[in-house]
Amino acid sequence: MKLKEIRESKRLSQRDLCRIVGVSQPFLCDLEHGRRNATLDTWQKIADALEVPITELLEKAG
């Protein structure tokens, strides 16, 4: 699944995930659409917030 699909499956809005992770909503939107990349630390925070292994996110991002 892609980041957006995982986030939606967890019933988290972009706003909620941004608040948990500490990133801006435009940044997350760009990340979900593949227009930006994130640091490993940010990916880990997203993975923790979504309760998925970081590898699941990185496989989809690459």
Protein backbone atom coordinates (compact mmCIF):
# COMPACT_ATOMS: atom_id res chain seq x y z
CA MET A 1 0.00 0.00 0.00
CA LYS A 2 1.04 3.57 -0.52
CA LEU A 3 1.50 6.03 2.34
CA LYS A 4 -1.88 7.68 1.71
CA GLU A 5 -3.66 4.32 1.60
CA ILE A 6 -2.02 3.21 4.83
CA ARG A 7 -2.90 6.51 6.53
CA GLU A 8 -6.51 6.28 5.38
CA SER A 9 -6.77 2.63 6.44
CA LYS A 10 -5.78 3.78 9.94
CA ARG A 11 -8.49 6.45 9.76
CA LEU A 12 -6.02 9.29 10.25
CA SER A 13 -6.42 12.61 8.49
CA GLN A 14 -3.40 14.36 7.03
CA ARG A 15 -3.83 16.97 9.74
CA ASP A 16 -3.75 14.38 12.52
CA LEU A 17 -0.71 12.58 11.13
CA CYS A 18 1.10 15.90 10.64
CA ARG A 19 0.45 16.82 14.25
CA ILE A 20 1.76 13.48 15.51
CA VAL A 21 4.85 13.45 13.29
CA GLY A 22 5.63 17.17 13.44
CA VAL A 23 5.57 18.00 9.74
CA SER A 24 3.50 20.46 7.72
CA GLN A 25 0.43 19.38 5.79
CA PRO A 26 1.88 20.53 2.43
CA PHE A 27 5.00 18.44 3.15
CA LEU A 28 2.92 15.33 3.90
CA CYS A 29 0.79 15.89 0.82
CA ASP A 30 3.92 16.11 -1.34
CA LEU A 31 5.30 12.99 0.35
CA GLU A 32 2.09 11.06 -0.34
CA HIS A 33 2.22 12.07 -4.00
CA GLY A 34 5.91 11.27 -4.42
CA ARG A 35 6.96 14.86 -4.99
CA ARG A 36 9.24 14.97 -1.94
CA ASN A 37 11.26 12.61 0.16
CA ALA A 38 11.83 12.56 3.90
CA THR A 39 14.69 11.82 6.23
CA LEU A 40 14.95 8.38 7.75
CA ASP A 41 13.98 9.92 11.09
CA THR A 42 10.77 11.35 9.61
CA TRP A 43 9.93 8.04 7.94
CA GLN A 44 10.40 6.32 11.30
CA LYS A 45 8.05 8.79 13.01
CA ILE A 46 5.45 8.20 10.31
CA ALA A 47 5.85 4.42 10.63
CA ASP A 48 5.48 4.64 14.40
CA ALA A 49 2.37 6.82 14.09
CA LEU A 50 0.82 4.42 11.58
CA GLU A 51 1.95 1.36 13.55
CA VAL A 52 3.63 -0.25 10.54
CA PRO A 53 7.23 -1.34 9.99
CA ILE A 54 9.34 1.41 8.44
CA THR A 55 10.28 -1.05 5.69
CA GLU A 56 6.66 -1.07 4.52
CA LEU A 57 6.82 2.68 3.93
CA LEU A 58 10.29 2.70 2.40
CA GLU A 59 9.46 -0.11 -0.04
CA LYS A 60 6.57 1.96 -1.32
CA ALA A 61 8.50 5.22 -1.41
CA GLY A 62 11.41 3.87 -3.44
